[in-house]
Amino acid sequence: MIFNQLTESLGRSLQDYSTLNEQLATGKKILAPSDDAGGLKRAMDYNVRISNNGQYQQNIQFAQNGLNAVNTVMDTYNNYLDSANALISLSLSKVQDATVGAQQATNLRDIFMGLGNTKFNDQYLFAGFQSGTQPYAAGTFAYQGDNGAVNVQIDNNATLAANITGDKVFSYTLPAATSLQISGGRYVHYTPGAGTTVDVEIRDTDDTTVLDNFSFSNVIQMTDTLGAAITANDTTRIEALADPFRQVQLQLRYSQTDVATRLSWLDMQFSNLGKSSNSMKTSLASIEQADMVEVVAKLKTTEITLAAVRESASRVLSMSLFDFLK
């Protein structure tokens, strides 16, 4: 019985000594699930959540890069829309040569085409889900993309669109038919068609006789029509295009506000995820990391206990049965 008790005590002391040495070497408090099953479960949960937060932050950076590229294009585009509006004013006042004005319109059309077909990371920015397809076709200038939102996950059960489509930037949607009176007492009627198509009808002073009609679905087509009107000195068409250019610029400003709001939200979410991860890392450290001062103190105590057990064992086990019977 005495031998068994000494063996058990020595075994416990050796096990404690080994565990403390391993904690000192690794800096870890939990070396096996049996050490702290509850703590191990909490640690695993923290590790998963920290890893998820890291992935969400990567997603946010992806979205920020794309939206910042969109912002840069929209700023440039807005400046050229100002040029288009100025060109309309000059053409209507006839203070500029028609040939020069037509060339400027052609240049603006090509610039708008290039902006609409901007690539970022080898993908078209404004094509929606069709990011491998040029959104605006050469010749017809028709939109070939879609209105797909490329959503990225930025938190548990929270997503945000990392793109904006061409129909929101280079077009505008006419909600209902509208009309206005232009110079000479003529009328212009704008009627919504399919998608972002706007059908334009120019009528005489009686608001019944149709003098001209045309249609467009984006600013590239509008500018192409403007160039032809300047070449033909068709001031009625030029004047009829003035309001659509204002509308498309207004739509652009809505899109700029939308993108700015998203970027602001992404910045805040990135910061919140970082704070959450730092808090969880602190909690994780309290579970996983051993207190080195405490470990060293326990190790010294265990060494003393182990030495005492060994000394006691050497004395007790050296006695014979007759020593105990005395």
C-alpha atoms as a PDB file:
ATOM      1  CA  MET A   1       0.000   0.000   0.000  1.00  0.00           C
ATOM      2  CA  ILE A   2       2.804   2.398   0.881  1.00  0.00           C
ATOM      3  CA  PHE A   3       4.618   1.526  -2.339  1.00  0.00           C
ATOM      4  CA  ASN A   4       1.498   2.171  -4.411  1.00  0.00           C
ATOM      5  CA  GLN A   5       0.879   5.497  -2.690  1.00  0.00           C
ATOM      6  CA  LEU A   6       4.467   6.606  -3.257  1.00  0.00           C
ATOM      7  CA  THR A   7       4.352   5.504  -6.892  1.00  0.00           C
ATOM      8  CA  GLU A   8       1.101   7.369  -7.474  1.00  0.00           C
ATOM      9  CA  SER A   9       2.408  10.511  -5.790  1.00  0.00           C
ATOM     10  CA  LEU A  10       5.651  10.375  -7.730  1.00  0.00           C
ATOM     11  CA  GLY A  11       3.755   9.864 -10.991  1.00  0.00           C
ATOM     12  CA  ARG A  12       1.517  12.888 -10.346  1.00  0.00           C
ATOM     13  CA  SER A  13       4.518  15.048  -9.518  1.00  0.00           C
ATOM     14  CA  LEU A  14       6.383  13.936 -12.625  1.00  0.00           C
ATOM     15  CA  GLN A  15       3.292  14.576 -14.764  1.00  0.00           C
ATOM     16  CA  ASP A  16       2.876  18.060 -13.281  1.00  0.00           C
ATOM     17  CA  TYR A  17       6.555  18.733 -13.805  1.00  0.00           C
ATOM     18  CA  SER A  18       6.377  17.615 -17.445  1.00  0.00           C
ATOM     19  CA  THR A  19       3.226  19.674 -18.120  1.00  0.00           C
ATOM     20  CA  LEU A  20       4.708  22.818 -16.602  1.00  0.00           C
ATOM     21  CA  ASN A  21       7.918  22.403 -18.599  1.00  0.00           C
ATOM     22  CA  GLU A  22       5.902  22.046 -21.811  1.00  0.00           C
ATOM     23  CA  GLN A  23       3.837  25.142 -20.942  1.00  0.00           C
ATOM     24  CA  LEU A  24       7.075  27.027 -20.322  1.00  0.00           C
ATOM     25  CA  ALA A  25       8.489  25.877 -23.685  1.00  0.00           C
ATOM     26  CA  THR A  26       5.363  26.506 -25.794  1.00  0.00           C
ATOM     27  CA  GLY A  27       3.772  29.387 -23.921  1.00  0.00           C
ATOM     28  CA  LYS A  28       0.441  27.529 -24.192  1.00  0.00           C
ATOM     29  CA  LYS A  29      -1.873  26.940 -21.265  1.00  0.00           C
ATOM     30  CA  ILE A  30      -3.978  24.230 -22.925  1.00  0.00           C
ATOM     31  CA  LEU A  31      -1.829  21.341 -24.175  1.00  0.00           C
ATOM     32  CA  ALA A  32      -4.570  18.733 -24.496  1.00  0.00           C
ATOM     33  CA  PRO A  33      -8.391  18.823 -24.637  1.00  0.00           C
ATOM     34  CA  SER A  34      -8.539  17.293 -21.174  1.00  0.00           C
ATOM     35  CA  ASP A  35      -6.692  20.291 -19.709  1.00  0.00           C
ATOM     36  CA  ASP A  36      -9.688  22.625 -20.281  1.00  0.00           C
ATOM     37  CA  ALA A  37     -12.431  21.309 -22.560  1.00  0.00           C
ATOM     38  CA  GLY A  38     -14.590  24.419 -22.128  1.00  0.00           C
ATOM     39  CA  GLY A  39     -11.664  26.744 -22.727  1.00  0.00           C
ATOM     40  CA  LEU A  40     -10.625  24.787 -25.814  1.00  0.00           C
ATOM     41  CA  LYS A  41     -14.139  25.116 -27.257  1.00  0.00           C
ATOM     42  CA  ARG A  42     -14.145  28.881 -26.648  1.00  0.00           C
ATOM     43  CA  ALA A  43     -10.674  29.151 -28.197  1.00  0.00           C
ATOM     44  CA  MET A  44     -11.804  27.302 -31.317  1.00  0.00           C
ATOM     45  CA  ASP A  45     -14.818  29.592 -31.599  1.00  0.00           C
ATOM     46  CA  TYR A  46     -12.625  32.691 -31.284  1.00  0.00           C
ATOM     47  CA  ASN A  47     -10.201  31.372 -33.922  1.00  0.00           C
ATOM     48  CA  VAL A  48     -13.040  30.743 -36.381  1.00  0.00           C
ATOM     49  CA  ARG A  49     -14.532  34.198 -35.831  1.00  0.00           C
ATOM     50  CA  ILE A  50     -11.135  35.907 -36.133  1.00  0.00           C
ATOM     51  CA  SER A  51     -10.493  34.018 -39.377  1.00  0.00           C
ATOM     52  CA  ASN A  52     -13.939  35.015 -40.708  1.00  0.00           C
ATOM     53  CA  ASN A  53     -13.303  38.664 -39.821  1.00  0.00           C
ATOM     54  CA  GLY A  54     -10.023  38.511 -41.732  1.00  0.00           C
ATOM     55  CA  GLN A  55     -11.844  37.184 -44.799  1.00  0.00           C
ATOM     56  CA  TYR A  56     -14.511  39.876 -44.483  1.00  0.00           C
ATOM     57  CA  GLN A  57     -11.785  42.525 -44.359  1.00  0.00           C
ATOM     58  CA  GLN A  58     -10.226  41.098 -47.528  1.00  0.00           C
ATOM     59  CA  ASN A  59     -13.653  41.245 -49.192  1.00  0.00           C
ATOM     60  CA  ILE A  60     -14.033  44.859 -48.073  1.00  0.00           C
ATOM     61  CA  GLN A  61     -10.658  45.784 -49.562  1.00  0.00           C
ATOM     62  CA  PHE A  62     -11.688  44.124 -52.845  1.00  0.00           C
ATOM     63  CA  ALA A  63     -14.920  46.152 -52.863  1.00  0.00           C
ATOM     64  CA  GLN A  64     -13.101  49.371 -51.937  1.00  0.00           C
ATOM     65  CA  ASN A  65     -10.599  48.957 -54.768  1.00  0.00           C
ATOM     66  CA  GLY A  66     -13.368  48.414 -57.314  1.00  0.00           C
ATOM     67  CA  LEU A  67     -15.544  51.271 -56.079  1.00  0.00           C
ATOM     68  CA  ASN A  68     -12.582  53.663 -55.905  1.00  0.00           C
ATOM     69  CA  ALA A  69     -11.828  52.825 -59.552  1.00  0.00           C
ATOM     70  CA  VAL A  70     -15.489  53.528 -60.393  1.00  0.00           C
ATOM     71  CA  ASN A  71     -15.288  56.830 -58.518  1.00  0.00           C
ATOM     72  CA  THR A  72     -12.264  57.925 -60.521  1.00  0.00           C
ATOM     73  CA  VAL A  73     -14.040  57.166 -63.808  1.00  0.00           C
ATOM     74  CA  MET A  74     -17.196  58.986 -62.703  1.00  0.00           C
ATOM     75  CA  ASP A  75     -15.251  62.110 -61.710  1.00  0.00           C
ATOM     76  CA  THR A  76     -13.626  62.213 -65.147  1.00  0.00           C
ATOM     77  CA  TYR A  77     -16.950  61.490 -66.827  1.00  0.00           C
ATOM     78  CA  ASN A  78     -18.669  64.336 -64.958  1.00  0.00           C
ATOM     79  CA  ASN A  79     -16.044  66.802 -66.206  1.00  0.00           C
ATOM     80  CA  TYR A  80     -16.652  65.739 -69.811  1.00  0.00           C
ATOM     81  CA  LEU A  81     -20.421  66.036 -69.335  1.00  0.00           C
ATOM     82  CA  ASP A  82     -19.783  69.663 -68.425  1.00  0.00           C
ATOM     83  CA  SER A  83     -17.942  69.965 -71.743  1.00  0.00           C
ATOM     84  CA  ALA A  84     -20.889  68.405 -73.579  1.00  0.00           C
ATOM     85  CA  ASN A  85     -23.335  70.865 -72.014  1.00  0.00           C
ATOM     86  CA  ALA A  86     -21.008  73.738 -72.912  1.00  0.00           C
ATOM     87  CA  LEU A  87     -20.823  72.444 -76.494  1.00  0.00           C
ATOM     88  CA  ILE A  88     -24.633  72.450 -76.727  1.00  0.00           C
ATOM     89  CA  SER A  89     -24.758  76.062 -75.546  1.00  0.00           C
ATOM     90  CA  LEU A  90     -22.082  77.136 -78.043  1.00  0.00           C
ATOM     91  CA  SER A  91     -23.804  75.293 -80.874  1.00  0.00           C
ATOM     92  CA  LEU A  92     -27.160  76.897 -80.127  1.00  0.00           C
ATOM     93  CA  SER A  93     -25.620  80.377 -79.928  1.00  0.00           C
ATOM     94  CA  LYS A  94     -23.757  79.705 -83.218  1.00  0.00           C
ATOM     95  CA  VAL A  95     -20.570  81.303 -81.965  1.00  0.00           C
ATOM     96  CA  GLN A  96     -18.601  78.215 -82.933  1.00  0.00           C
ATOM     97  CA  ASP A  97     -17.896  76.745 -86.360  1.00  0.00           C
ATOM     98  CA  ALA A  98     -20.101  73.700 -87.020  1.00  0.00           C
ATOM     99  CA  THR A  99     -17.196  71.566 -88.237  1.00  0.00           C
ATOM    100  CA  VAL A 100     -15.246  72.251 -85.065  1.00  0.00           C
ATOM    101  CA  GLY A 101     -18.308  71.565 -82.916  1.00  0.00           C
ATOM    102  CA  ALA A 102     -19.040  68.293 -84.703  1.00  0.00           C
ATOM    103  CA  GLN A 103     -15.448  67.137 -84.170  1.00  0.00           C
ATOM    104  CA  GLN A 104     -15.693  68.003 -80.486  1.00  0.00           C
ATOM    105  CA  ALA A 105     -18.891  65.952 -80.244  1.00  0.00           C
ATOM    106  CA  THR A 106     -17.154  63.003 -81.923  1.00  0.00           C
ATOM    107  CA  ASN A 107     -14.231  63.304 -79.502  1.00  0.00           C
ATOM    108  CA  LEU A 108     -16.612  63.389 -76.538  1.00  0.00           C
ATOM    109  CA  ARG A 109     -18.478  60.354 -77.879  1.00  0.00           C
ATOM    110  CA  ASP A 110     -15.222  58.394 -78.097  1.00  0.00           C
ATOM    111  CA  ILE A 111     -14.206  59.518 -74.601  1.00  0.00           C
ATOM    112  CA  PHE A 112     -17.557  58.402 -73.173  1.00  0.00           C
ATOM    113  CA  MET A 113     -17.177  55.100 -75.015  1.00  0.00           C
ATOM    114  CA  GLY A 114     -13.718  54.594 -73.499  1.00  0.00           C
ATOM    115  CA  LEU A 115     -14.920  55.446 -70.002  1.00  0.00           C
ATOM    116  CA  GLY A 116     -17.876  53.083 -70.314  1.00  0.00           C
ATOM    117  CA  ASN A 117     -15.530  50.271 -71.380  1.00  0.00           C
ATOM    118  CA  THR A 118     -12.999  50.878 -68.599  1.00  0.00           C
ATOM    119  CA  LYS A 119     -11.237  47.769 -67.308  1.00  0.00           C
ATOM    120  CA  PHE A 120     -10.013  47.133 -63.761  1.00  0.00           C
ATOM    121  CA  ASN A 121      -8.072  43.990 -62.844  1.00  0.00           C
ATOM    122  CA  ASP A 122      -8.736  42.787 -66.407  1.00  0.00           C
ATOM    123  CA  GLN A 123     -12.520  42.996 -65.890  1.00  0.00           C
ATOM    124  CA  TYR A 124     -14.945  45.556 -67.306  1.00  0.00           C
ATOM    125  CA  LEU A 125     -16.077  47.842 -64.491  1.00  0.00           C
ATOM    126  CA  PHE A 126     -19.557  48.648 -65.764  1.00  0.00           C
ATOM    127  CA  ALA A 127     -20.724  45.365 -67.315  1.00  0.00           C
ATOM    128  CA  GLY A 128     -22.417  43.826 -64.260  1.00  0.00           C
ATOM    129  CA  PHE A 129     -22.152  40.029 -64.283  1.00  0.00           C
ATOM    130  CA  GLN A 130     -20.885  40.183 -67.909  1.00  0.00           C
ATOM    131  CA  SER A 131     -17.512  41.520 -66.719  1.00  0.00           C
ATOM    132  CA  GLY A 132     -15.652  39.658 -69.451  1.00  0.00           C
ATOM    133  CA  THR A 133     -17.694  41.325 -72.224  1.00  0.00           C
ATOM    134  CA  GLN A 134     -17.168  44.885 -73.468  1.00  0.00           C
ATOM    135  CA  PRO A 135     -20.268  46.686 -72.179  1.00  0.00           C
ATOM    136  CA  TYR A 136     -20.632  49.180 -75.027  1.00  0.00           C
ATOM    137  CA  ALA A 137     -20.536  47.841 -78.580  1.00  0.00           C
ATOM    138  CA  ALA A 138     -18.592  49.585 -81.299  1.00  0.00           C
ATOM    139  CA  GLY A 139     -20.753  51.121 -83.996  1.00  0.00           C
ATOM    140  CA  THR A 140     -24.150  50.828 -82.302  1.00  0.00           C
ATOM    141  CA  PHE A 141     -22.887  51.924 -78.858  1.00  0.00           C
ATOM    142  CA  ALA A 142     -25.561  49.633 -77.378  1.00  0.00           C
ATOM    143  CA  TYR A 143     -25.141  48.371 -73.824  1.00  0.00           C
ATOM    144  CA  GLN A 144     -24.152  44.682 -73.774  1.00  0.00           C
ATOM    145  CA  GLY A 145     -23.787  44.268 -70.038  1.00  0.00           C
ATOM    146  CA  ASP A 146     -26.504  43.589 -67.483  1.00  0.00           C
ATOM    147  CA  ASN A 147     -27.622  45.124 -64.195  1.00  0.00           C
ATOM    148  CA  GLY A 148     -26.075  42.403 -62.004  1.00  0.00           C
ATOM    149  CA  ALA A 149     -24.790  43.478 -58.598  1.00  0.00           C
ATOM    150  CA  VAL A 150     -21.505  41.789 -57.628  1.00  0.00           C
ATOM    151  CA  ASN A 151     -22.182  41.362 -53.910  1.00  0.00           C
ATOM    152  CA  VAL A 152     -19.395  40.590 -51.439  1.00  0.00           C
ATOM    153  CA  GLN A 153     -19.884  39.410 -47.868  1.00  0.00           C
ATOM    154  CA  ILE A 154     -18.659  42.016 -45.406  1.00  0.00           C
ATOM    155  CA  ASP A 155     -20.004  40.449 -42.201  1.00  0.00           C
ATOM    156  CA  ASN A 156     -22.087  37.532 -41.049  1.00  0.00           C
ATOM    157  CA  ASN A 157     -25.327  37.725 -43.102  1.00  0.00           C
ATOM    158  CA  ALA A 158     -24.327  41.141 -44.544  1.00  0.00           C
ATOM    159  CA  THR A 159     -23.356  41.839 -48.162  1.00  0.00           C
ATOM    160  CA  LEU A 160     -22.646  44.940 -50.233  1.00  0.00           C
ATOM    161  CA  ALA A 161     -22.394  45.518 -54.001  1.00  0.00           C
ATOM    162  CA  ALA A 162     -18.792  46.054 -55.136  1.00  0.00           C
ATOM    163  CA  ASN A 163     -19.791  47.394 -58.545  1.00  0.00           C
ATOM    164  CA  ILE A 164     -22.145  49.726 -60.353  1.00  0.00           C
ATOM    165  CA  THR A 165     -23.528  48.990 -63.798  1.00  0.00           C
ATOM    166  CA  GLY A 166     -23.338  51.091 -66.939  1.00  0.00           C
ATOM    167  CA  ASP A 167     -27.076  51.677 -67.114  1.00  0.00           C
ATOM    168  CA  LYS A 168     -26.829  53.539 -63.783  1.00  0.00           C
ATOM    169  CA  VAL A 169     -23.899  55.716 -64.871  1.00  0.00           C
ATOM    170  CA  PHE A 170     -24.069  56.347 -68.611  1.00  0.00           C
ATOM    171  CA  SER A 171     -27.860  56.338 -68.959  1.00  0.00           C
ATOM    172  CA  TYR A 172     -30.916  57.526 -67.125  1.00  0.00           C
ATOM    173  CA  THR A 173     -34.307  55.931 -66.711  1.00  0.00           C
ATOM    174  CA  LEU A 174     -37.242  58.095 -67.710  1.00  0.00           C
ATOM    175  CA  PRO A 175     -40.018  57.220 -65.232  1.00  0.00           C
ATOM    176  CA  ALA A 176     -42.891  58.633 -67.306  1.00  0.00           C
ATOM    177  CA  ALA A 177     -43.571  60.483 -70.532  1.00  0.00           C
ATOM    178  CA  THR A 178     -42.788  64.168 -70.363  1.00  0.00           C
ATOM    179  CA  SER A 179     -42.665  67.158 -72.702  1.00  0.00           C
ATOM    180  CA  LEU A 180     -41.313  70.681 -72.858  1.00  0.00           C
ATOM    181  CA  GLN A 181     -41.544  73.658 -75.179  1.00  0.00           C
ATOM    182  CA  ILE A 182     -38.444  74.850 -76.970  1.00  0.00           C
ATOM    183  CA  SER A 183     -37.645  77.908 -79.081  1.00  0.00           C
ATOM    184  CA  GLY A 184     -39.920  78.707 -81.997  1.00  0.00           C
ATOM    185  CA  GLY A 185     -42.919  77.423 -80.055  1.00  0.00           C
ATOM    186  CA  ARG A 186     -42.125  73.803 -80.920  1.00  0.00           C
ATOM    187  CA  TYR A 187     -42.594  70.924 -78.478  1.00  0.00           C
ATOM    188  CA  VAL A 188     -40.369  67.992 -77.544  1.00  0.00           C
ATOM    189  CA  HIS A 189     -41.936  64.826 -76.162  1.00  0.00           C
ATOM    190  CA  TYR A 190     -39.825  62.261 -74.313  1.00  0.00           C
ATOM    191  CA  THR A 191     -41.314  58.786 -73.929  1.00  0.00           C
ATOM    192  CA  PRO A 192     -39.737  55.889 -71.981  1.00  0.00           C
ATOM    193  CA  GLY A 193     -38.968  52.797 -74.033  1.00  0.00           C
ATOM    194  CA  ALA A 194     -37.469  49.432 -73.083  1.00  0.00           C
ATOM    195  CA  GLY A 195     -34.787  49.614 -70.413  1.00  0.00           C
ATOM    196  CA  THR A 196     -33.097  53.000 -70.565  1.00  0.00           C
ATOM    197  CA  THR A 197     -34.296  53.821 -74.073  1.00  0.00           C
ATOM    198  CA  VAL A 198     -35.854  57.256 -74.485  1.00  0.00           C
ATOM    199  CA  ASP A 199     -37.930  57.990 -77.604  1.00  0.00           C
ATOM    200  CA  VAL A 200     -37.873  61.649 -78.638  1.00  0.00           C
ATOM    201  CA  GLU A 201     -40.496  63.296 -80.804  1.00  0.00           C
ATOM    202  CA  ILE A 202     -40.260  66.911 -81.977  1.00  0.00           C
ATOM    203  CA  ARG A 203     -43.619  68.482 -82.844  1.00  0.00           C
ATOM    204  CA  ASP A 204     -44.651  71.717 -84.476  1.00  0.00           C
ATOM    205  CA  THR A 205     -46.307  74.614 -82.664  1.00  0.00           C
ATOM    206  CA  ASP A 206     -49.654  72.842 -82.775  1.00  0.00           C
ATOM    207  CA  ASP A 207     -48.130  70.096 -80.590  1.00  0.00           C
ATOM    208  CA  THR A 208     -49.554  67.566 -83.040  1.00  0.00           C
ATOM    209  CA  THR A 209     -47.593  67.627 -86.282  1.00  0.00           C
ATOM    210  CA  VAL A 210     -44.460  65.481 -85.889  1.00  0.00           C
ATOM    211  CA  LEU A 211     -41.401  67.156 -87.407  1.00  0.00           C
ATOM    212  CA  ASP A 212     -38.683  64.749 -86.275  1.00  0.00           C
ATOM    213  CA  ASN A 213     -38.057  61.774 -84.022  1.00  0.00           C
ATOM    214  CA  PHE A 214     -35.095  59.789 -82.757  1.00  0.00           C
ATOM    215  CA  SER A 215     -34.143  57.660 -79.763  1.00  0.00           C
ATOM    216  CA  PHE A 216     -31.157  56.819 -77.547  1.00  0.00           C
ATOM    217  CA  SER A 217     -30.382  54.626 -74.560  1.00  0.00           C
ATOM    218  CA  ASN A 218     -27.087  56.045 -73.265  1.00  0.00           C
ATOM    219  CA  VAL A 219     -24.861  59.106 -73.359  1.00  0.00           C
ATOM    220  CA  ILE A 220     -22.658  57.673 -76.107  1.00  0.00           C
ATOM    221  CA  GLN A 221     -25.623  57.461 -78.484  1.00  0.00           C
ATOM    222  CA  MET A 222     -26.758  60.915 -77.347  1.00  0.00           C
ATOM    223  CA  THR A 223     -23.375  62.432 -78.177  1.00  0.00           C
ATOM    224  CA  ASP A 224     -23.277  60.661 -81.541  1.00  0.00           C
ATOM    225  CA  THR A 225     -26.690  62.169 -82.356  1.00  0.00           C
ATOM    226  CA  LEU A 226     -25.475  65.562 -81.140  1.00  0.00           C
ATOM    227  CA  GLY A 227     -22.494  65.441 -83.516  1.00  0.00           C
ATOM    228  CA  ALA A 228     -24.749  64.680 -86.474  1.00  0.00           C
ATOM    229  CA  ALA A 229     -27.128  67.503 -85.475  1.00  0.00           C
ATOM    230  CA  ILE A 230     -24.260  70.011 -85.221  1.00  0.00           C
ATOM    231  CA  THR A 231     -22.982  68.946 -88.641  1.00  0.00           C
ATOM    232  CA  ALA A 232     -26.469  69.453 -90.134  1.00  0.00           C
ATOM    233  CA  ASN A 233     -26.944  72.697 -88.208  1.00  0.00           C
ATOM    234  CA  ASP A 234     -30.133  71.180 -86.786  1.00  0.00           C
ATOM    235  CA  THR A 235     -30.644  73.484 -83.809  1.00  0.00           C
ATOM    236  CA  THR A 236     -34.007  71.889 -82.980  1.00  0.00           C
ATOM    237  CA  ARG A 237     -32.394  68.518 -82.366  1.00  0.00           C
ATOM    238  CA  ILE A 238     -29.536  70.130 -80.482  1.00  0.00           C
ATOM    239  CA  GLU A 239     -32.014  71.906 -78.223  1.00  0.00           C
ATOM    240  CA  ALA A 240     -34.021  68.700 -77.790  1.00  0.00           C
ATOM    241  CA  LEU A 241     -30.832  66.978 -76.523  1.00  0.00           C
ATOM    242  CA  ALA A 242     -30.100  69.630 -73.886  1.00  0.00           C
ATOM    243  CA  ASP A 243     -32.481  68.240 -71.292  1.00  0.00           C
ATOM    244  CA  PRO A 244     -31.353  64.583 -71.722  1.00  0.00           C
ATOM    245  CA  PHE A 245     -27.752  65.667 -71.100  1.00  0.00           C
ATOM    246  CA  ARG A 246     -28.855  67.386 -67.898  1.00  0.00           C
ATOM    247  CA  GLN A 247     -30.795  64.290 -66.875  1.00  0.00           C
ATOM    248  CA  VAL A 248     -27.889  61.923 -67.459  1.00  0.00           C
ATOM    249  CA  GLN A 249     -25.619  64.183 -65.408  1.00  0.00           C
ATOM    250  CA  LEU A 250     -28.200  64.231 -62.615  1.00  0.00           C
ATOM    251  CA  GLN A 251     -28.309  60.419 -62.722  1.00  0.00           C
ATOM    252  CA  LEU A 252     -24.524  60.369 -62.521  1.00  0.00           C
ATOM    253  CA  ARG A 253     -24.604  62.468 -59.357  1.00  0.00           C
ATOM    254  CA  TYR A 254     -27.040  60.022 -57.779  1.00  0.00           C
ATOM    255  CA  SER A 255     -24.604  57.225 -58.623  1.00  0.00           C
ATOM    256  CA  GLN A 256     -21.682  59.191 -57.173  1.00  0.00           C
ATOM    257  CA  THR A 257     -23.608  59.673 -53.930  1.00  0.00           C
ATOM    258  CA  ASP A 258     -24.448  55.970 -53.856  1.00  0.00           C
ATOM    259  CA  VAL A 259     -20.808  54.945 -54.308  1.00  0.00           C
ATOM    260  CA  ALA A 260     -19.601  57.483 -51.708  1.00  0.00           C
ATOM    261  CA  THR A 261     -22.123  56.097 -49.194  1.00  0.00           C
ATOM    262  CA  ARG A 262     -20.955  52.547 -49.846  1.00  0.00           C
ATOM    263  CA  LEU A 263     -17.293  53.493 -49.438  1.00  0.00           C
ATOM    264  CA  SER A 264     -18.063  55.246 -46.162  1.00  0.00           C
ATOM    265  CA  TRP A 265     -19.917  52.172 -44.904  1.00  0.00           C
ATOM    266  CA  LEU A 266     -17.028  49.897 -45.962  1.00  0.00           C
ATOM    267  CA  ASP A 267     -14.505  52.060 -44.085  1.00  0.00           C
ATOM    268  CA  MET A 268     -16.602  51.888 -40.925  1.00  0.00           C
ATOM    269  CA  GLN A 269     -17.186  48.141 -41.252  1.00  0.00           C
ATOM    270  CA  PHE A 270     -13.466  47.465 -41.825  1.00  0.00           C
ATOM    271  CA  SER A 271     -12.652  49.390 -38.644  1.00  0.00           C
ATOM    272  CA  ASN A 272     -15.355  47.591 -36.636  1.00  0.00           C
ATOM    273  CA  LEU A 273     -14.086  44.192 -37.777  1.00  0.00           C
ATOM    274  CA  GLY A 274     -10.551  45.142 -36.744  1.00  0.00           C
ATOM    275  CA  LYS A 275     -11.715  46.200 -33.279  1.00  0.00           C
ATOM    276  CA  SER A 276     -13.772  43.014 -32.908  1.00  0.00           C
ATOM    277  CA  SER A 277     -10.803  40.831 -33.920  1.00  0.00           C
ATOM    278  CA  ASN A 278      -8.448  42.606 -31.503  1.00  0.00           C
ATOM    279  CA  SER A 279     -10.928  42.101 -28.657  1.00  0.00           C
ATOM    280  CA  MET A 280     -11.288  38.412 -29.503  1.00  0.00           C
ATOM    281  CA  LYS A 281      -7.506  37.988 -29.756  1.00  0.00           C
ATOM    282  CA  THR A 282      -7.183  39.384 -26.234  1.00  0.00           C
ATOM    283  CA  SER A 283      -9.808  36.939 -24.961  1.00  0.00           C
ATOM    284  CA  LEU A 284      -8.158  34.113 -26.874  1.00  0.00           C
ATOM    285  CA  ALA A 285      -4.794  34.921 -25.340  1.00  0.00           C
ATOM    286  CA  SER A 286      -6.273  34.745 -21.834  1.00  0.00           C
ATOM    287  CA  ILE A 287      -7.522  31.228 -22.644  1.00  0.00           C
ATOM    288  CA  GLU A 288      -4.564  29.845 -24.591  1.00  0.00           C
ATOM    289  CA  GLN A 289      -1.478  31.624 -23.333  1.00  0.00           C
ATOM    290  CA  ALA A 290       0.132  30.570 -20.098  1.00  0.00           C
ATOM    291  CA  ASP A 291       1.137  33.104 -17.435  1.00  0.00           C
ATOM    292  CA  MET A 292       4.914  32.629 -17.474  1.00  0.00           C
ATOM    293  CA  VAL A 293       5.430  34.031 -13.965  1.00  0.00           C
ATOM    294  CA  GLU A 294       2.795  31.678 -12.599  1.00  0.00           C
ATOM    295  CA  VAL A 295       4.217  28.705 -14.531  1.00  0.00           C
ATOM    296  CA  VAL A 296       7.747  29.315 -13.234  1.00  0.00           C
ATOM    297  CA  ALA A 297       6.453  29.620  -9.658  1.00  0.00           C
ATOM    298  CA  LYS A 298       4.482  26.363  -9.978  1.00  0.00           C
ATOM    299  CA  LEU A 299       7.484  24.675 -11.575  1.00  0.00           C
ATOM    300  CA  LYS A 300       9.660  25.592  -8.607  1.00  0.00           C
ATOM    301  CA  THR A 301       6.995  24.323  -6.210  1.00  0.00           C
ATOM    302  CA  THR A 302       6.666  21.085  -8.187  1.00  0.00           C
ATOM    303  CA  GLU A 303      10.436  20.600  -8.175  1.00  0.00           C
ATOM    304  CA  ILE A 304      10.441  20.919  -4.368  1.00  0.00           C
ATOM    305  CA  THR A 305       7.486  18.530  -4.082  1.00  0.00           C
ATOM    306  CA  LEU A 306       9.130  16.035  -6.419  1.00  0.00           C
ATOM    307  CA  ALA A 307      12.377  16.173  -4.471  1.00  0.00           C
ATOM    308  CA  ALA A 308      10.494  15.600  -1.203  1.00  0.00           C
ATOM    309  CA  VAL A 309       8.606  12.612  -2.655  1.00  0.00           C
ATOM    310  CA  ARG A 310      11.835  11.089  -3.937  1.00  0.00           C
ATOM    311  CA  GLU A 311      13.527  11.560  -0.566  1.00  0.00           C
ATOM    312  CA  SER A 312      10.572  10.033   1.263  1.00  0.00           C
ATOM    313  CA  ALA A 313      10.445   7.133  -1.176  1.00  0.00           C
ATOM    314  CA  SER A 314      14.143   6.384  -0.812  1.00  0.00           C
ATOM    315  CA  ARG A 315      13.830   6.207   2.973  1.00  0.00           C
ATOM    316  CA  VAL A 316      10.571   4.310   3.175  1.00  0.00           C
ATOM    317  CA  LEU A 317      11.305   1.770   0.459  1.00  0.00           C
ATOM    318  CA  SER A 318      14.717   0.925   1.958  1.00  0.00           C
ATOM    319  CA  MET A 319      13.027  -0.401   5.134  1.00  0.00           C
ATOM    320  CA  SER A 320      12.055  -3.994   5.605  1.00  0.00           C
ATOM    321  CA  LEU A 321       8.829  -5.367   7.066  1.00  0.00           C
ATOM    322  CA  PHE A 322      10.600  -5.915  10.389  1.00  0.00           C
ATOM    323  CA  ASP A 323      11.351  -2.142  10.604  1.00  0.00           C
ATOM    324  CA  PHE A 324       7.634  -1.462  10.563  1.00  0.00           C
ATOM    325  CA  LEU A 325       6.938  -4.154  13.157  1.00  0.00           C
ATOM    326  CA  LYS A 326       9.315  -2.698  15.731  1.00  0.00           C
END
